[in-house]
């Protein structure tokens, strides 16, 4: 991912108002982030632990989405949970349900879509082995790092497709 500036990040958000985007707490040290190792920029707001943000490229455009963490009880340290994006296993609170408001009228009506993701949104770093989950060893896979990165990008794309879907599909 190419390094991003504050204005580019704030202008990328598609599921919140411009006023909300102006008030988002950006990650500290933007210039020092490991941009070459990031397929998307994800961070949690230290001042509002129930909020997360994700910025990536979609169809050649920069797209940012706001995420919310529903309130939940304590997590078991005996169970491992997998991230739906990168398939990294974490114990305890290393994976959280993150919900994104859909874009457009559906989002204004309160429709959301969620997925279990790495709580710190550092999926690209876990896949590359630059970050290691606490207490849970990475599962051995026969896929190369590039194949795992492609799988993560595909999973993120599928999640974003749901965020951009104007109306939920009913059975």
Protein backbone atom coordinates (compact mmCIF):
# COMPACT_ATOMS: atom_id res chain seq x y z
CA UNK A 1 0.00 0.00 0.00
CA UNK A 2 1.21 3.48 -0.80
CA UNK A 3 1.61 5.87 2.16
CA UNK A 4 -1.54 7.85 2.84
CA UNK A 5 -2.00 11.32 4.23
CA UNK A 6 -4.60 12.53 6.70
CA UNK A 7 -6.75 14.23 4.04
CA UNK A 8 -6.78 11.14 1.79
CA UNK A 9 -7.79 8.91 4.70
CA UNK A 10 -10.58 11.20 5.90
CA UNK A 11 -11.97 11.66 2.36
CA UNK A 12 -12.08 7.88 1.79
CA UNK A 13 -14.83 7.03 4.30
CA UNK A 14 -18.03 5.85 2.64
CA UNK A 15 -20.27 4.73 5.51
CA UNK A 16 -20.25 7.83 7.70
CA UNK A 17 -20.89 11.54 7.31
CA UNK A 18 -18.13 14.00 6.42
CA UNK A 19 -18.42 15.44 9.92
CA UNK A 20 -17.90 12.01 11.45
CA UNK A 21 -14.90 11.43 9.16
CA UNK A 22 -13.34 14.73 10.32
CA UNK A 23 -13.63 13.59 13.95
CA UNK A 24 -12.00 10.16 13.46
CA UNK A 25 -8.83 9.68 15.49
CA UNK A 26 -6.17 8.69 12.98
CA UNK A 27 -3.37 6.30 13.90
CA UNK A 28 -0.32 7.97 15.42
CA UNK A 29 2.85 8.11 13.37
CA UNK A 30 1.30 7.74 9.90
CA UNK A 31 4.67 8.37 8.25
CA UNK A 32 6.35 5.59 10.27
CA UNK A 33 3.81 2.84 9.49
CA UNK A 34 5.17 -0.20 7.59
CA UNK A 35 3.33 0.80 4.39
CA UNK A 36 5.14 -1.78 2.22
CA UNK A 37 3.71 -4.54 4.44
CA UNK A 38 0.13 -3.22 4.49
CA UNK A 39 -2.55 -4.36 2.06
CA UNK A 40 -4.99 -2.22 4.01
CA UNK A 41 -4.70 0.26 6.85
CA UNK A 42 -6.66 -0.85 9.88
CA UNK A 43 -6.67 0.62 13.39
CA UNK A 44 -8.70 0.89 16.56
CA UNK A 45 -9.47 4.21 18.21
CA UNK A 46 -7.62 4.28 21.56
CA UNK A 47 -10.08 6.89 22.89
CA UNK A 48 -13.14 4.87 21.85
CA UNK A 49 -12.37 1.15 22.18
CA UNK A 50 -15.63 0.17 20.47
CA UNK A 51 -14.54 1.81 17.19
CA UNK A 52 -12.28 0.61 14.43
CA UNK A 53 -11.43 1.84 10.96
CA UNK A 54 -10.26 0.20 7.76
CA UNK A 55 -8.94 1.92 4.61
CA UNK A 56 -8.10 0.04 1.43
CA UNK A 57 -8.21 0.28 -2.33
CA UNK A 58 -11.32 -1.02 -4.10
CA UNK A 59 -11.80 -0.84 -7.84
CA UNK A 60 -8.93 1.65 -8.09
CA UNK A 61 -10.34 4.02 -5.46
CA UNK A 62 -9.48 4.54 -1.82
CA UNK A 63 -12.32 3.33 0.41
CA UNK A 64 -12.59 3.72 4.18
CA UNK A 65 -15.16 2.10 6.43
CA UNK A 66 -16.00 2.69 10.06
CA UNK A 67 -16.43 -0.37 12.26
CA UNK A 68 -18.13 -0.89 15.61
CA UNK A 69 -17.43 -3.56 18.19
CA UNK A 70 -20.63 -4.74 19.89
CA UNK A 71 -20.41 -5.06 23.66
CA UNK A 72 -19.61 -8.62 24.72
CA UNK A 73 -18.65 -10.51 27.82
CA UNK A 74 -15.28 -11.98 28.72
CA UNK A 75 -13.63 -14.32 26.23
CA UNK A 76 -12.32 -17.78 27.00
CA UNK A 77 -8.55 -18.14 27.04
CA UNK A 78 -9.01 -21.85 26.22
CA UNK A 79 -10.64 -21.33 22.80
CA UNK A 80 -9.02 -20.17 19.62
CA UNK A 81 -11.02 -17.99 17.22
CA UNK A 82 -10.12 -17.42 13.56
CA UNK A 83 -10.15 -14.07 11.79
CA UNK A 84 -12.48 -14.20 8.77
CA UNK A 85 -10.03 -12.12 6.71
CA UNK A 86 -6.59 -13.61 7.32
CA UNK A 87 -7.50 -16.88 9.11
CA UNK A 88 -5.09 -16.13 11.95
CA UNK A 89 -6.05 -17.88 15.15
CA UNK A 90 -6.23 -15.88 18.37
CA UNK A 91 -7.18 -16.79 21.92
CA UNK A 92 -9.17 -14.57 24.24
CA UNK A 93 -10.08 -11.20 22.77
CA UNK A 94 -7.70 -11.38 19.78
CA UNK A 95 -10.67 -11.69 17.40
CA UNK A 96 -13.75 -9.46 17.66
CA UNK A 97 -17.01 -9.12 15.81
CA UNK A 98 -16.67 -5.87 13.87
CA UNK A 99 -19.80 -4.41 12.29
CA UNK A 100 -19.87 -1.88 9.46
CA UNK A 101 -22.84 0.25 8.55
CA UNK A 102 -23.83 -0.37 4.92
CA UNK A 103 -23.40 2.53 2.51
CA UNK A 104 -26.29 4.61 1.24
CA UNK A 105 -29.93 4.39 2.27
CA UNK A 106 -29.50 0.92 3.76
CA UNK A 107 -26.90 2.21 6.20
CA UNK A 108 -29.00 5.24 7.09
CA UNK A 109 -31.80 2.80 7.96
CA UNK A 110 -29.45 1.03 10.38
CA UNK A 111 -28.44 -1.98 8.27
CA UNK A 112 -25.02 -3.36 9.12
CA UNK A 113 -22.82 -6.27 8.13
CA UNK A 114 -20.29 -7.88 10.43
CA UNK A 115 -17.36 -10.28 10.45
CA UNK A 116 -15.00 -11.69 13.04
CA UNK A 117 -11.65 -9.97 12.46
CA UNK A 118 -8.33 -9.57 14.24
CA UNK A 119 -9.15 -7.12 17.03
CA UNK A 120 -6.11 -4.96 16.18
CA UNK A 121 -6.86 -5.09 12.41
CA UNK A 122 -3.23 -6.06 11.71
CA UNK A 123 -4.11 -8.93 9.35
CA UNK A 124 -1.45 -8.10 6.69
CA UNK A 125 1.26 -8.20 9.36
CA UNK A 126 0.06 -11.56 10.73
CA UNK A 127 0.00 -13.11 7.25
CA UNK A 128 3.53 -11.86 6.53
CA UNK A 129 4.81 -13.11 9.89
CA UNK A 130 5.74 -9.57 10.99
CA UNK A 131 3.39 -9.90 13.95
CA UNK A 132 2.63 -13.06 15.94
CA UNK A 133 -0.63 -13.70 17.79
CA UNK A 134 -0.32 -13.95 21.55
CA UNK A 135 -0.54 -17.49 22.94
CA UNK A 136 -1.79 -19.07 19.69
CA UNK A 137 0.72 -20.50 17.22
CA UNK A 138 0.02 -19.85 13.54
CA UNK A 139 -1.53 -22.83 11.81
CA UNK A 140 0.78 -24.57 9.35
CA UNK A 141 -0.44 -24.08 5.79
CA UNK A 142 0.84 -25.26 2.46
CA UNK A 143 -0.05 -21.95 0.81
CA UNK A 144 2.74 -19.47 0.18
CA UNK A 145 2.67 -16.06 1.84
CA UNK A 146 1.57 -14.49 -1.45
CA UNK A 147 -1.29 -17.01 -1.77
CA UNK A 148 -2.38 -16.29 1.81
CA UNK A 149 -2.24 -12.54 1.10
CA UNK A 150 -4.40 -13.07 -1.98
CA UNK A 151 -6.90 -15.08 0.11
CA UNK A 152 -6.97 -12.25 2.69
CA UNK A 153 -7.57 -9.65 -0.06
CA UNK A 154 -10.37 -11.79 -1.50
CA UNK A 155 -12.01 -12.17 1.93
CA UNK A 156 -11.76 -8.42 2.49
CA UNK A 157 -13.28 -7.81 -0.95
CA UNK A 158 -16.22 -10.09 -0.12
CA UNK A 159 -16.78 -8.21 3.14
CA UNK A 160 -16.65 -4.85 1.32
CA UNK A 161 -19.12 -6.16 -1.28
CA UNK A 162 -21.58 -6.69 1.58
CA UNK A 163 -20.91 -3.20 2.94
CA UNK A 164 -21.63 -1.72 -0.50
CA UNK A 165 -24.70 -3.89 -1.09
CA UNK A 166 -27.63 -1.50 -1.03
CA UNK A 167 -30.24 -3.97 0.16
CA UNK A 168 -29.68 -7.19 2.10
CA UNK A 169 -30.54 -10.35 0.18
CA UNK A 170 -33.49 -12.15 1.73
CA UNK A 171 -34.15 -15.86 1.39
